[in-house]
Amino acid sequence: MNYLKYFVYLKKLQMDLKAIFIEAGHWFPDNWAVGNGIIEREENIKIARKTIDYINQSVEFKNIHIVDIGVWVEINLIDKISSINALCKKQWYTHENSILISIHCNAWGWWKATGIEGWFYNSSKQSMDLIKNICNQICSLTTLPYRFVKSEIYNRYGRLWIIHDTIPLGCLIECWFVDNPKDAVIIATHPELFWQWIVRWIKQFLKIPLKTL
C-alpha cells in the first residue's frame, strides 16, 4: 500500500466530511418501546454512547466533529431538530458534508417480531445506501433477520422529522425488538456488534479501507 497516497486520501475525506451527528432516539419520559423489563430510551442511549466512543477511537475521524444529540442530556424532538440545524448553519454543515445516525429500538407488542430495519430520507439514494448497509452488516454478525429498509413516507406519520427536517444526510436504525426474548439475548451477549458495525459502515460509506477498523 502507498501510505502517502492513503493519508492524502484520508485527509481529503476528512475535509469533505465535516461532522457526524449521533442521536439517541426519544427522551424521558417518552421511553417509547418497552418489553422484557427493557426500556428503549435506555438502550438508545447505551448504543449511542458506545458508538461515539468507538468513533472517537478511530484515527480516521480525528478531524471530524462528532456531535451527540440527546445522548448525555434529555431533549425533546423539536429542540433536537432546532439544535442540529442551528449548529449546521453556524458551522456550514450541509447535506453533502455531514451525516446523522438516529438510533432506535423496536417493539411489536406480540413478542414475535424480530430483526433489524432502517428508514431513509425520502428520494435520497445516499441515505438509503447508508442505512441499508448498516443493517446488512449488523445482521451478518448478530444472526438477527434483516427486515429491510423503508422510505420515511411509509412511516405512520408520512415522515420522520429527525431525518426529514434536519440538514445532515440522515438515516434511522431500529436495532432490535426489546419485547422479543431472542433479540434480548443477542444484544445482551454481543452488544458491541451494534456500535462496531455502525462505525464500520460509516467507513465503508466514506470508502475508508476496512482493515483500518
N, C-alpha and C. Protein backbone atom coordinates (compact mmCIF):
# COMPACT_ATOMS: atom_id res chain seq x y z
N MET A 1 0.84 -1.20 0.00
CA MET A 1 0.00 0.00 0.00
C MET A 1 0.88 1.25 0.00
N ASN A 2 0.51 2.25 -0.81
CA ASN A 2 1.21 3.53 -0.79
C ASN A 2 0.61 4.37 0.32
N TYR A 3 1.31 4.42 1.46
CA TYR A 3 0.76 5.08 2.64
C TYR A 3 0.62 6.59 2.46
N LEU A 4 1.52 7.18 1.68
CA LEU A 4 1.42 8.62 1.44
C LEU A 4 0.11 8.94 0.73
N LYS A 5 -0.19 8.17 -0.34
CA LYS A 5 -1.45 8.38 -1.06
C LYS A 5 -2.64 8.10 -0.16
N TYR A 6 -2.49 7.07 0.69
CA TYR A 6 -3.59 6.70 1.59
C TYR A 6 -3.93 7.84 2.54
N PHE A 7 -2.92 8.44 3.16
CA PHE A 7 -3.18 9.50 4.12
C PHE A 7 -3.62 10.79 3.44
N VAL A 8 -3.15 11.01 2.21
CA VAL A 8 -3.66 12.14 1.43
C VAL A 8 -5.15 11.93 1.16
N TYR A 9 -5.50 10.68 0.83
CA TYR A 9 -6.90 10.35 0.57
C TYR A 9 -7.75 10.54 1.82
N LEU A 10 -7.23 10.08 2.98
CA LEU A 10 -7.96 10.27 4.22
C LEU A 10 -8.17 11.74 4.52
N LYS A 11 -7.13 12.53 4.27
CA LYS A 11 -7.24 13.96 4.53
C LYS A 11 -8.34 14.57 3.68
N LYS A 12 -8.42 14.14 2.41
CA LYS A 12 -9.47 14.65 1.53
C LYS A 12 -10.85 14.25 2.06
N LEU A 13 -10.98 13.00 2.52
CA LEU A 13 -12.25 12.56 3.08
C LEU A 13 -12.63 13.39 4.29
N GLN A 14 -11.64 13.66 5.14
CA GLN A 14 -11.93 14.42 6.34
C GLN A 14 -12.31 15.85 6.02
N MET A 15 -11.76 16.39 4.93
CA MET A 15 -12.14 17.73 4.51
C MET A 15 -13.57 17.72 3.97
N ASP A 16 -13.94 16.63 3.29
CA ASP A 16 -15.28 16.53 2.73
C ASP A 16 -16.33 16.30 3.81
N LEU A 17 -16.02 15.40 4.76
CA LEU A 17 -16.96 15.13 5.84
C LEU A 17 -16.58 15.99 7.03
N LYS A 18 -17.48 16.88 7.40
CA LYS A 18 -17.19 17.82 8.48
C LYS A 18 -17.74 17.36 9.82
N ALA A 19 -18.86 16.63 9.81
CA ALA A 19 -19.50 16.30 11.09
C ALA A 19 -20.28 15.00 10.99
N ILE A 20 -20.29 14.27 12.11
CA ILE A 20 -21.14 13.09 12.27
C ILE A 20 -22.03 13.34 13.48
N PHE A 21 -23.34 13.35 13.27
CA PHE A 21 -24.31 13.52 14.35
C PHE A 21 -24.80 12.13 14.78
N ILE A 22 -24.72 11.83 16.06
CA ILE A 22 -25.26 10.59 16.60
C ILE A 22 -26.40 10.97 17.54
N GLU A 23 -27.61 10.52 17.21
CA GLU A 23 -28.79 10.87 18.00
C GLU A 23 -29.37 9.65 18.68
N ALA A 24 -29.56 9.75 19.98
CA ALA A 24 -30.24 8.70 20.75
C ALA A 24 -31.73 9.00 20.74
N GLY A 25 -32.51 8.14 20.10
CA GLY A 25 -33.92 8.40 19.90
C GLY A 25 -34.74 8.50 21.18
N HIS A 26 -35.77 9.36 21.11
CA HIS A 26 -36.73 9.60 22.20
C HIS A 26 -36.08 10.36 23.36
N TRP A 27 -36.82 10.52 24.42
CA TRP A 27 -36.35 11.28 25.58
C TRP A 27 -37.26 10.93 26.75
N PHE A 28 -36.72 10.96 27.96
CA PHE A 28 -37.57 10.71 29.12
C PHE A 28 -38.52 11.88 29.30
N PRO A 29 -39.83 11.65 29.58
CA PRO A 29 -40.44 10.35 29.89
C PRO A 29 -40.98 9.60 28.67
N ASP A 30 -40.64 10.07 27.45
CA ASP A 30 -41.07 9.37 26.24
C ASP A 30 -40.11 8.20 25.99
N ASN A 31 -40.34 7.10 26.71
CA ASN A 31 -39.45 5.94 26.61
C ASN A 31 -39.77 5.08 25.39
N TRP A 32 -40.98 5.20 24.89
CA TRP A 32 -41.49 4.50 23.72
C TRP A 32 -41.53 3.00 23.91
N ALA A 33 -40.71 2.23 23.19
CA ALA A 33 -40.82 0.77 23.22
C ALA A 33 -40.34 0.20 24.55
N VAL A 34 -41.10 -0.75 25.07
CA VAL A 34 -40.71 -1.44 26.30
C VAL A 34 -41.02 -2.93 26.15
N GLY A 35 -40.29 -3.76 26.90
CA GLY A 35 -40.53 -5.20 26.89
C GLY A 35 -39.40 -5.93 27.57
N ASN A 36 -39.71 -7.05 28.20
CA ASN A 36 -38.71 -7.85 28.91
C ASN A 36 -37.98 -7.03 29.97
N GLY A 37 -38.70 -6.06 30.54
CA GLY A 37 -38.07 -5.21 31.54
C GLY A 37 -37.08 -4.22 30.94
N ILE A 38 -37.09 -4.08 29.61
CA ILE A 38 -36.15 -3.21 28.90
C ILE A 38 -36.88 -1.97 28.39
N ILE A 39 -36.22 -0.83 28.52
CA ILE A 39 -36.78 0.45 28.07
C ILE A 39 -35.98 0.94 26.87
N GLU A 40 -36.67 1.23 25.78
CA GLU A 40 -35.96 1.62 24.56
C GLU A 40 -35.04 2.81 24.78
N ARG A 41 -35.54 3.84 25.44
CA ARG A 41 -34.73 5.05 25.61
C ARG A 41 -33.37 4.72 26.25
N GLU A 42 -33.37 3.86 27.24
CA GLU A 42 -32.12 3.48 27.90
C GLU A 42 -31.19 2.75 26.94
N GLU A 43 -31.75 1.88 26.10
CA GLU A 43 -30.93 1.15 25.13
C GLU A 43 -30.38 2.10 24.05
N ASN A 44 -31.21 3.05 23.61
CA ASN A 44 -30.75 4.02 22.61
C ASN A 44 -29.55 4.81 23.12
N ILE A 45 -29.63 5.23 24.37
CA ILE A 45 -28.52 5.98 24.98
C ILE A 45 -27.27 5.12 25.04
N LYS A 46 -27.44 3.88 25.47
CA LYS A 46 -26.30 2.98 25.63
C LYS A 46 -25.59 2.75 24.29
N ILE A 47 -26.37 2.44 23.25
CA ILE A 47 -25.77 2.18 21.94
C ILE A 47 -25.14 3.45 21.37
N ALA A 48 -25.82 4.60 21.54
CA ALA A 48 -25.29 5.86 21.02
C ALA A 48 -23.97 6.23 21.70
N ARG A 49 -23.90 6.07 23.02
CA ARG A 49 -22.66 6.42 23.73
C ARG A 49 -21.50 5.54 23.29
N LYS A 50 -21.77 4.25 23.15
CA LYS A 50 -20.71 3.34 22.73
C LYS A 50 -20.29 3.61 21.28
N THR A 51 -21.25 3.97 20.43
CA THR A 51 -20.93 4.32 19.05
C THR A 51 -20.00 5.52 19.01
N ILE A 52 -20.31 6.53 19.80
CA ILE A 52 -19.48 7.74 19.86
C ILE A 52 -18.09 7.40 20.39
N ASP A 53 -18.02 6.59 21.44
CA ASP A 53 -16.71 6.18 21.97
C ASP A 53 -15.89 5.47 20.91
N TYR A 54 -16.56 4.60 20.16
CA TYR A 54 -15.87 3.81 19.13
C TYR A 54 -15.39 4.70 17.98
N ILE A 55 -16.22 5.67 17.59
CA ILE A 55 -15.82 6.62 16.55
C ILE A 55 -14.58 7.39 17.01
N ASN A 56 -14.61 7.82 18.27
CA ASN A 56 -13.51 8.62 18.80
C ASN A 56 -12.20 7.84 18.88
N GLN A 57 -12.28 6.51 18.89
CA GLN A 57 -11.08 5.68 18.90
C GLN A 57 -10.51 5.47 17.49
N SER A 58 -11.25 5.86 16.47
CA SER A 58 -10.84 5.65 15.08
C SER A 58 -10.07 6.88 14.59
N VAL A 59 -8.82 6.68 14.22
CA VAL A 59 -7.97 7.81 13.85
C VAL A 59 -8.51 8.54 12.62
N GLU A 60 -9.25 7.84 11.77
CA GLU A 60 -9.76 8.46 10.55
C GLU A 60 -10.72 9.62 10.83
N PHE A 61 -11.32 9.62 12.01
CA PHE A 61 -12.33 10.64 12.31
C PHE A 61 -11.82 11.73 13.24
N LYS A 62 -10.52 11.78 13.47
CA LYS A 62 -10.00 12.69 14.49
C LYS A 62 -10.21 14.16 14.15
N ASN A 63 -10.35 14.49 12.87
CA ASN A 63 -10.57 15.89 12.48
C ASN A 63 -12.03 16.17 12.13
N ILE A 64 -12.90 15.23 12.46
CA ILE A 64 -14.32 15.38 12.17
C ILE A 64 -15.07 15.66 13.47
N HIS A 65 -15.98 16.61 13.43
CA HIS A 65 -16.74 16.99 14.61
C HIS A 65 -17.79 15.91 14.90
N ILE A 66 -17.69 15.26 16.05
CA ILE A 66 -18.67 14.26 16.45
C ILE A 66 -19.67 14.93 17.39
N VAL A 67 -20.92 14.95 16.98
CA VAL A 67 -21.94 15.69 17.73
C VAL A 67 -22.94 14.72 18.33
N ASP A 68 -23.13 14.77 19.64
CA ASP A 68 -24.12 13.91 20.29
C ASP A 68 -25.40 14.71 20.49
N ILE A 69 -26.52 14.06 20.17
CA ILE A 69 -27.83 14.69 20.30
C ILE A 69 -28.72 13.80 21.17
N GLY A 70 -29.10 14.29 22.33
CA GLY A 70 -29.94 13.52 23.23
C GLY A 70 -29.24 12.31 23.80
N VAL A 71 -27.91 12.36 23.86
CA VAL A 71 -27.13 11.22 24.36
C VAL A 71 -26.76 11.40 25.82
N TRP A 72 -26.38 12.63 26.19
CA TRP A 72 -25.97 12.90 27.57
C TRP A 72 -26.97 13.76 28.31
N VAL A 73 -27.84 14.44 27.58
CA VAL A 73 -28.87 15.28 28.20
C VAL A 73 -30.22 14.96 27.58
N GLU A 74 -31.28 15.19 28.32
CA GLU A 74 -32.62 14.96 27.81
C GLU A 74 -33.07 16.17 27.00
N ILE A 75 -33.55 15.92 25.80
CA ILE A 75 -34.00 17.00 24.93
C ILE A 75 -35.11 16.45 24.03
N ASN A 76 -36.18 17.21 23.87
CA ASN A 76 -37.30 16.71 23.08
C ASN A 76 -37.01 16.84 21.59
N LEU A 77 -37.87 16.26 20.79
CA LEU A 77 -37.62 16.16 19.35
C LEU A 77 -37.51 17.53 18.69
N ILE A 78 -38.40 18.45 19.04
CA ILE A 78 -38.38 19.78 18.42
C ILE A 78 -37.06 20.48 18.71
N ASP A 79 -36.60 20.38 19.96
CA ASP A 79 -35.35 21.03 20.33
C ASP A 79 -34.14 20.32 19.72
N LYS A 80 -34.25 18.99 19.53
CA LYS A 80 -33.17 18.27 18.84
C LYS A 80 -32.99 18.82 17.43
N ILE A 81 -34.10 18.93 16.71
CA ILE A 81 -34.05 19.42 15.33
C ILE A 81 -33.51 20.84 15.28
N SER A 82 -33.98 21.69 16.20
CA SER A 82 -33.53 23.08 16.23
C SER A 82 -32.04 23.19 16.50
N SER A 83 -31.54 22.38 17.46
CA SER A 83 -30.13 22.47 17.82
C SER A 83 -29.24 21.93 16.70
N ILE A 84 -29.68 20.86 16.02
CA ILE A 84 -28.91 20.31 14.89
C ILE A 84 -28.81 21.34 13.78
N ASN A 85 -29.94 21.93 13.42
CA ASN A 85 -29.93 22.87 12.30
C ASN A 85 -29.20 24.16 12.64
N ALA A 86 -29.31 24.60 13.89
CA ALA A 86 -28.59 25.82 14.30
C ALA A 86 -27.09 25.61 14.21
N LEU A 87 -26.61 24.44 14.65
CA LEU A 87 -25.19 24.14 14.58
C LEU A 87 -24.73 24.02 13.13
N CYS A 88 -25.56 23.39 12.29
CA CYS A 88 -25.21 23.24 10.88
C CYS A 88 -25.07 24.61 10.20
N LYS A 89 -25.98 25.51 10.49
CA LYS A 89 -25.92 26.83 9.87
C LYS A 89 -24.72 27.62 10.37
N LYS A 90 -24.41 27.44 11.64
CA LYS A 90 -23.26 28.16 12.22
C LYS A 90 -21.94 27.64 11.67
N GLN A 91 -21.83 26.31 11.51
CA GLN A 91 -20.58 25.69 11.08
C GLN A 91 -20.53 25.37 9.58
N TRP A 92 -21.57 25.72 8.85
CA TRP A 92 -21.65 25.46 7.42
C TRP A 92 -21.68 23.96 7.12
N TYR A 93 -22.35 23.20 7.99
CA TYR A 93 -22.56 21.79 7.71
C TYR A 93 -23.77 21.66 6.79
N THR A 94 -23.64 20.77 5.81
CA THR A 94 -24.69 20.62 4.81
C THR A 94 -25.06 19.15 4.64
N HIS A 95 -26.00 18.91 3.73
CA HIS A 95 -26.40 17.55 3.36
C HIS A 95 -25.25 16.81 2.70
N GLU A 96 -24.29 17.55 2.18
CA GLU A 96 -23.16 16.95 1.45
C GLU A 96 -21.95 16.70 2.34
N ASN A 97 -21.83 17.39 3.48
CA ASN A 97 -20.61 17.23 4.28
C ASN A 97 -20.87 16.81 5.73
N SER A 98 -22.09 16.37 6.02
CA SER A 98 -22.38 15.87 7.38
C SER A 98 -23.42 14.76 7.30
N ILE A 99 -23.33 13.82 8.23
CA ILE A 99 -24.30 12.72 8.29
C ILE A 99 -24.88 12.62 9.69
N LEU A 100 -26.07 12.06 9.76
CA LEU A 100 -26.77 11.89 11.03
C LEU A 100 -27.28 10.45 11.13
N ILE A 101 -26.94 9.77 12.23
CA ILE A 101 -27.45 8.43 12.50
C ILE A 101 -28.36 8.52 13.71
N SER A 102 -29.64 8.22 13.51
CA SER A 102 -30.61 8.22 14.60
C SER A 102 -30.79 6.79 15.08
N ILE A 103 -30.52 6.55 16.37
CA ILE A 103 -30.50 5.19 16.92
C ILE A 103 -31.77 4.92 17.72
N HIS A 104 -32.45 3.83 17.34
CA HIS A 104 -33.69 3.44 17.99
C HIS A 104 -33.71 1.94 18.22
N CYS A 105 -34.67 1.49 19.03
CA CYS A 105 -35.00 0.07 19.17
C CYS A 105 -36.48 -0.08 18.88
N ASN A 106 -36.91 -1.30 18.65
CA ASN A 106 -38.26 -1.57 18.18
C ASN A 106 -39.08 -2.35 19.21
N ALA A 107 -40.38 -2.43 18.98
CA ALA A 107 -41.28 -3.31 19.72
C ALA A 107 -42.51 -3.56 18.86
N TRP A 108 -43.06 -4.74 18.97
CA TRP A 108 -44.22 -5.09 18.17
C TRP A 108 -45.47 -5.24 19.01
N GLY A 109 -45.29 -5.74 20.23
CA GLY A 109 -46.44 -5.90 21.11
C GLY A 109 -46.93 -7.33 21.21
N TRP A 110 -46.47 -8.18 20.28
CA TRP A 110 -46.91 -9.58 20.30
C TRP A 110 -45.75 -10.52 20.61
N TRP A 111 -44.59 -9.98 20.94
CA TRP A 111 -43.43 -10.76 21.38
C TRP A 111 -42.84 -11.64 20.28
N LYS A 112 -43.27 -11.45 19.03
CA LYS A 112 -42.82 -12.34 17.96
C LYS A 112 -41.92 -11.65 16.94
N ALA A 113 -42.13 -10.37 16.72
CA ALA A 113 -41.34 -9.67 15.70
C ALA A 113 -39.87 -9.63 16.12
N THR A 114 -38.99 -9.75 15.12
CA THR A 114 -37.57 -9.79 15.40
C THR A 114 -36.79 -9.15 14.27
N GLY A 115 -35.58 -8.71 14.56
CA GLY A 115 -34.70 -8.26 13.50
C GLY A 115 -34.40 -6.77 13.49
N ILE A 116 -33.72 -6.39 12.43
CA ILE A 116 -33.22 -5.03 12.28
C ILE A 116 -33.82 -4.40 11.04
N GLU A 117 -34.24 -3.16 11.15
CA GLU A 117 -34.76 -2.45 9.99
C GLU A 117 -34.30 -1.00 10.03
N GLY A 118 -34.42 -0.34 8.91
CA GLY A 118 -33.97 1.04 8.85
C GLY A 118 -34.90 1.92 8.03
N TRP A 119 -34.73 3.21 8.20
CA TRP A 119 -35.53 4.20 7.49
C TRP A 119 -34.60 5.21 6.84
N PHE A 120 -34.95 5.63 5.64
CA PHE A 120 -34.11 6.61 4.96
C PHE A 120 -34.92 7.81 4.50
N TYR A 121 -34.20 8.90 4.30
CA TYR A 121 -34.79 10.14 3.83
C TYR A 121 -35.38 9.92 2.44
N ASN A 122 -36.61 10.33 2.24
CA ASN A 122 -37.31 10.06 1.00
C ASN A 122 -36.56 10.59 -0.22
N SER A 123 -36.47 9.73 -1.24
CA SER A 123 -35.85 10.08 -2.53
C SER A 123 -34.35 10.32 -2.44
N SER A 124 -33.70 9.84 -1.38
CA SER A 124 -32.25 10.01 -1.26
C SER A 124 -31.58 8.65 -1.35
N LYS A 125 -30.91 8.40 -2.47
CA LYS A 125 -30.19 7.14 -2.63
C LYS A 125 -29.05 7.03 -1.62
N GLN A 126 -28.38 8.15 -1.33
CA GLN A 126 -27.29 8.13 -0.36
C GLN A 126 -27.80 7.72 1.03
N SER A 127 -28.92 8.29 1.43
CA SER A 127 -29.50 7.93 2.73
C SER A 127 -29.89 6.46 2.75
N MET A 128 -30.47 5.98 1.65
CA MET A 128 -30.86 4.58 1.55
C MET A 128 -29.63 3.67 1.62
N ASP A 129 -28.57 4.02 0.90
CA ASP A 129 -27.36 3.21 0.92
C ASP A 129 -26.74 3.18 2.31
N LEU A 130 -26.74 4.31 2.98
CA LEU A 130 -26.15 4.40 4.30
C LEU A 130 -26.85 3.45 5.28
N ILE A 131 -28.17 3.51 5.34
CA ILE A 131 -28.89 2.68 6.32
C ILE A 131 -28.96 1.23 5.88
N LYS A 132 -29.03 0.97 4.58
CA LYS A 132 -29.11 -0.41 4.09
C LYS A 132 -27.88 -1.20 4.50
N ASN A 133 -26.74 -0.60 4.37
CA ASN A 133 -25.52 -1.33 4.68
C ASN A 133 -25.25 -1.41 6.17
N ILE A 134 -25.69 -0.43 6.94
CA ILE A 134 -25.61 -0.56 8.39
C ILE A 134 -26.40 -1.79 8.82
N CYS A 135 -27.63 -1.91 8.32
CA CYS A 135 -28.49 -3.05 8.68
C CYS A 135 -27.88 -4.37 8.22
N ASN A 136 -27.41 -4.41 6.98
CA ASN A 136 -26.83 -5.64 6.45
C ASN A 136 -25.63 -6.10 7.27
N GLN A 137 -24.77 -5.17 7.63
CA GLN A 137 -23.56 -5.52 8.36
C GLN A 137 -23.91 -6.05 9.75
N ILE A 138 -24.83 -5.41 10.44
CA ILE A 138 -25.20 -5.87 11.77
C ILE A 138 -25.84 -7.25 11.70
N CYS A 139 -26.73 -7.45 10.74
CA CYS A 139 -27.41 -8.74 10.60
C CYS A 139 -26.41 -9.86 10.33
N SER A 140 -25.38 -9.56 9.56
CA SER A 140 -24.43 -10.60 9.19
C SER A 140 -23.67 -11.14 10.39
N LEU A 141 -23.54 -10.35 11.43
CA LEU A 141 -22.79 -10.80 12.61
C LEU A 141 -23.68 -11.23 13.77
N THR A 142 -24.85 -10.65 13.89
CA THR A 142 -25.70 -10.96 15.04
C THR A 142 -26.66 -12.11 14.77
N THR A 143 -26.83 -12.51 13.52
CA THR A 143 -27.81 -13.51 13.06
C THR A 143 -29.24 -13.01 13.20
N LEU A 144 -29.42 -11.74 13.53
CA LEU A 144 -30.77 -11.18 13.54
C LEU A 144 -31.25 -11.04 12.09
N PRO A 145 -32.52 -11.29 11.84
CA PRO A 145 -33.03 -11.18 10.46
C PRO A 145 -33.07 -9.73 9.99
N TYR A 146 -32.93 -9.58 8.70
CA TYR A 146 -32.96 -8.26 8.06
C TYR A 146 -34.40 -7.97 7.64
N ARG A 147 -34.98 -6.92 8.20
CA ARG A 147 -36.36 -6.56 7.91
C ARG A 147 -36.47 -5.49 6.82
N PHE A 148 -35.38 -5.24 6.15
CA PHE A 148 -35.33 -4.30 5.03
C PHE A 148 -35.36 -2.84 5.51
N VAL A 149 -35.16 -1.96 4.56
CA VAL A 149 -35.20 -0.53 4.85
C VAL A 149 -36.37 0.08 4.09
N LYS A 150 -36.86 1.19 4.60
CA LYS A 150 -38.05 1.79 4.02
C LYS A 150 -37.89 3.30 3.94
N SER A 151 -38.55 3.86 2.95
CA SER A 151 -38.61 5.31 2.86
C SER A 151 -39.47 5.85 4.00
N GLU A 152 -39.11 7.00 4.49
CA GLU A 152 -39.86 7.61 5.59
C GLU A 152 -41.34 7.84 5.25
N ILE A 153 -41.66 7.91 3.97
CA ILE A 153 -43.06 8.20 3.60
C ILE A 153 -43.98 7.05 4.01
N TYR A 154 -43.42 5.86 4.26
CA TYR A 154 -44.24 4.73 4.68
C TYR A 154 -44.36 4.64 6.20
N ASN A 155 -43.75 5.59 6.90
CA ASN A 155 -43.95 5.70 8.33
C ASN A 155 -45.39 6.12 8.60
N ARG A 156 -45.89 5.78 9.75
CA ARG A 156 -47.29 6.10 10.08
C ARG A 156 -47.59 7.60 10.01
N TYR A 157 -46.54 8.43 10.16
CA TYR A 157 -46.73 9.88 10.12
C TYR A 157 -46.42 10.47 8.74
N GLY A 158 -45.92 9.63 7.82
CA GLY A 158 -45.61 10.11 6.49
C GLY A 158 -44.25 10.78 6.39
N ARG A 159 -43.56 10.90 7.51
CA ARG A 159 -42.23 11.48 7.53
C ARG A 159 -41.60 11.16 8.88
N LEU A 160 -40.29 11.19 8.92
CA LEU A 160 -39.56 11.04 10.17
C LEU A 160 -38.80 12.35 10.39
N TRP A 161 -39.28 13.13 11.33
CA TRP A 161 -38.80 14.50 11.48
C TRP A 161 -37.29 14.58 11.70
N ILE A 162 -36.73 13.65 12.47
CA ILE A 162 -35.31 13.75 12.81
C ILE A 162 -34.41 13.61 11.59
N ILE A 163 -34.88 12.92 10.54
CA ILE A 163 -34.08 12.84 9.32
C ILE A 163 -34.65 13.70 8.20
N HIS A 164 -35.91 14.06 8.30
CA HIS A 164 -36.55 14.84 7.23
C HIS A 164 -36.31 16.34 7.41
N ASP A 165 -36.38 16.80 8.64
CA ASP A 165 -36.35 18.23 8.92
C ASP A 165 -34.99 18.73 9.40
N THR A 166 -33.98 17.88 9.32
CA THR A 166 -32.63 18.29 9.71
C THR A 166 -31.75 18.40 8.47
N ILE A 167 -30.67 19.16 8.59
CA ILE A 167 -29.82 19.46 7.45
C ILE A 167 -28.91 18.30 7.03
N PRO A 168 -28.29 17.55 7.97
CA PRO A 168 -27.36 16.49 7.54
C PRO A 168 -28.04 15.38 6.74
N LEU A 169 -27.23 14.61 6.02
CA LEU A 169 -27.72 13.39 5.38
C LEU A 169 -28.04 12.40 6.49
N GLY A 170 -29.32 12.06 6.65
CA GLY A 170 -29.72 11.28 7.81
C GLY A 170 -30.33 9.93 7.49
N CYS A 171 -30.27 9.04 8.47
CA CYS A 171 -30.96 7.76 8.41
C CYS A 171 -31.27 7.33 9.83
N LEU A 172 -32.21 6.41 9.96
CA LEU A 172 -32.66 5.94 11.27
C LEU A 172 -32.59 4.43 11.31
N ILE A 173 -31.98 3.88 12.36
CA ILE A 173 -31.87 2.43 12.51
C ILE A 173 -32.69 1.96 13.71
N GLU A 174 -33.48 0.90 13.48
CA GLU A 174 -34.18 0.20 14.56
C GLU A 174 -33.35 -1.05 14.86
N CYS A 175 -32.60 -1.02 15.96
CA CYS A 175 -31.55 -2.03 16.19
C CYS A 175 -32.09 -3.43 16.51
N TRP A 176 -33.15 -3.53 17.28
CA TRP A 176 -33.65 -4.84 17.66
C TRP A 176 -35.00 -4.64 18.34
N PHE A 177 -35.70 -5.75 18.64
CA PHE A 177 -37.01 -5.69 19.29
C PHE A 177 -36.85 -5.97 20.79
N VAL A 178 -37.12 -4.96 21.60
CA VAL A 178 -36.92 -5.11 23.04
C VAL A 178 -37.92 -6.08 23.66
N ASP A 179 -39.03 -6.34 22.97
CA ASP A 179 -40.03 -7.26 23.53
C ASP A 179 -39.89 -8.67 22.99
N ASN A 180 -38.80 -8.94 22.26
CA ASN A 180 -38.55 -10.30 21.78
C ASN A 180 -37.42 -10.91 22.61
N PRO A 181 -37.69 -11.99 23.35
CA PRO A 181 -36.66 -12.59 24.22
C PRO A 181 -35.40 -13.01 23.48
N LYS A 182 -35.54 -13.52 22.24
CA LYS A 182 -34.36 -13.95 21.48
C LYS A 182 -33.48 -12.76 21.10
N ASP A 183 -34.12 -11.67 20.68
CA ASP A 183 -33.37 -10.45 20.38
C ASP A 183 -32.65 -9.97 21.63
N ALA A 184 -33.33 -10.04 22.75
CA ALA A 184 -32.76 -9.56 24.02
C ALA A 184 -31.51 -10.35 24.40
N VAL A 185 -31.52 -11.64 24.13
CA VAL A 185 -30.35 -12.47 24.44
C VAL A 185 -29.16 -12.06 23.58
N ILE A 186 -29.42 -11.80 22.29
CA ILE A 186 -28.34 -11.43 21.37
C ILE A 186 -27.71 -10.10 21.77
N ILE A 187 -28.53 -9.11 22.07
CA ILE A 187 -27.99 -7.80 22.43
C ILE A 187 -27.27 -7.87 23.77
N ALA A 188 -27.74 -8.73 24.67
CA ALA A 188 -27.07 -8.87 25.97
C ALA A 188 -25.73 -9.60 25.83
N THR A 189 -25.66 -10.52 24.87
CA THR A 189 -24.46 -11.33 24.69
C THR A 189 -23.39 -10.61 23.87
N HIS A 190 -23.82 -9.91 22.82
CA HIS A 190 -22.86 -9.25 21.92
C HIS A 190 -23.26 -7.80 21.62
N PRO A 191 -23.36 -6.96 22.63
CA PRO A 191 -23.79 -5.57 22.38
C PRO A 191 -22.81 -4.79 21.52
N GLU A 192 -21.52 -5.17 21.58
CA GLU A 192 -20.50 -4.42 20.85
C GLU A 192 -20.69 -4.49 19.34
N LEU A 193 -21.39 -5.53 18.86
CA LEU A 193 -21.56 -5.69 17.43
C LEU A 193 -22.35 -4.55 16.82
N PHE A 194 -23.23 -3.96 17.59
CA PHE A 194 -24.05 -2.89 17.06
C PHE A 194 -23.23 -1.64 16.78
N TRP A 195 -22.50 -1.16 17.77
CA TRP A 195 -21.77 0.08 17.53
C TRP A 195 -20.54 -0.14 16.65
N GLN A 196 -19.92 -1.31 16.73
CA GLN A 196 -18.78 -1.57 15.85
C GLN A 196 -19.20 -1.53 14.39
N TRP A 197 -20.35 -2.10 14.09
CA TRP A 197 -20.75 -2.17 12.69
C TRP A 197 -21.43 -0.90 12.20
N ILE A 198 -21.96 -0.10 13.09
CA ILE A 198 -22.40 1.23 12.68
C ILE A 198 -21.19 2.04 12.22
N VAL A 199 -20.12 2.00 13.00
CA VAL A 199 -18.90 2.71 12.64
C VAL A 199 -18.28 2.11 11.39
N ARG A 200 -18.31 0.78 11.28
CA ARG A 200 -17.74 0.11 10.12
C ARG A 200 -18.42 0.59 8.84
N TRP A 201 -19.74 0.70 8.89
CA TRP A 201 -20.40 1.13 7.65
C TRP A 201 -20.18 2.61 7.37
N ILE A 202 -20.03 3.44 8.38
CA ILE A 202 -19.67 4.83 8.10
C ILE A 202 -18.37 4.87 7.32
N LYS A 203 -17.43 4.01 7.71
CA LYS A 203 -16.15 3.94 6.99
C LYS A 203 -16.36 3.44 5.56
N GLN A 204 -17.18 2.42 5.39
CA GLN A 204 -17.46 1.92 4.04
C GLN A 204 -18.12 3.00 3.20
N PHE A 205 -19.04 3.72 3.80
CA PHE A 205 -19.75 4.79 3.10
C PHE A 205 -18.76 5.85 2.59
N LEU A 206 -17.71 6.07 3.38
CA LEU A 206 -16.70 7.06 3.02
C LEU A 206 -15.55 6.45 2.20
N LYS A 207 -15.66 5.11 1.95
CA LYS A 207 -14.62 4.40 1.18
C LYS A 207 -13.28 4.39 1.90
N ILE A 208 -13.31 4.33 3.22
CA ILE A 208 -12.10 4.15 4.02
C ILE A 208 -11.82 2.65 4.10
N PRO A 209 -10.61 2.20 3.83
CA PRO A 209 -10.31 0.76 3.87
C PRO A 209 -10.71 0.13 5.21
N LEU A 210 -11.44 -0.99 5.14
CA LEU A 210 -11.98 -1.60 6.36
C LEU A 210 -10.89 -2.19 7.23
N LYS A 211 -9.73 -2.49 6.69
CA LYS A 211 -8.66 -3.07 7.50
C LYS A 211 -8.19 -2.08 8.57
N THR A 212 -8.59 -0.80 8.44
CA THR A 212 -8.17 0.18 9.42
C THR A 212 -9.12 0.24 10.60
N LEU A 213 -10.20 -0.56 10.59
CA LEU A 213 -11.17 -0.54 11.68
C LEU A 213 -10.54 -1.01 12.97
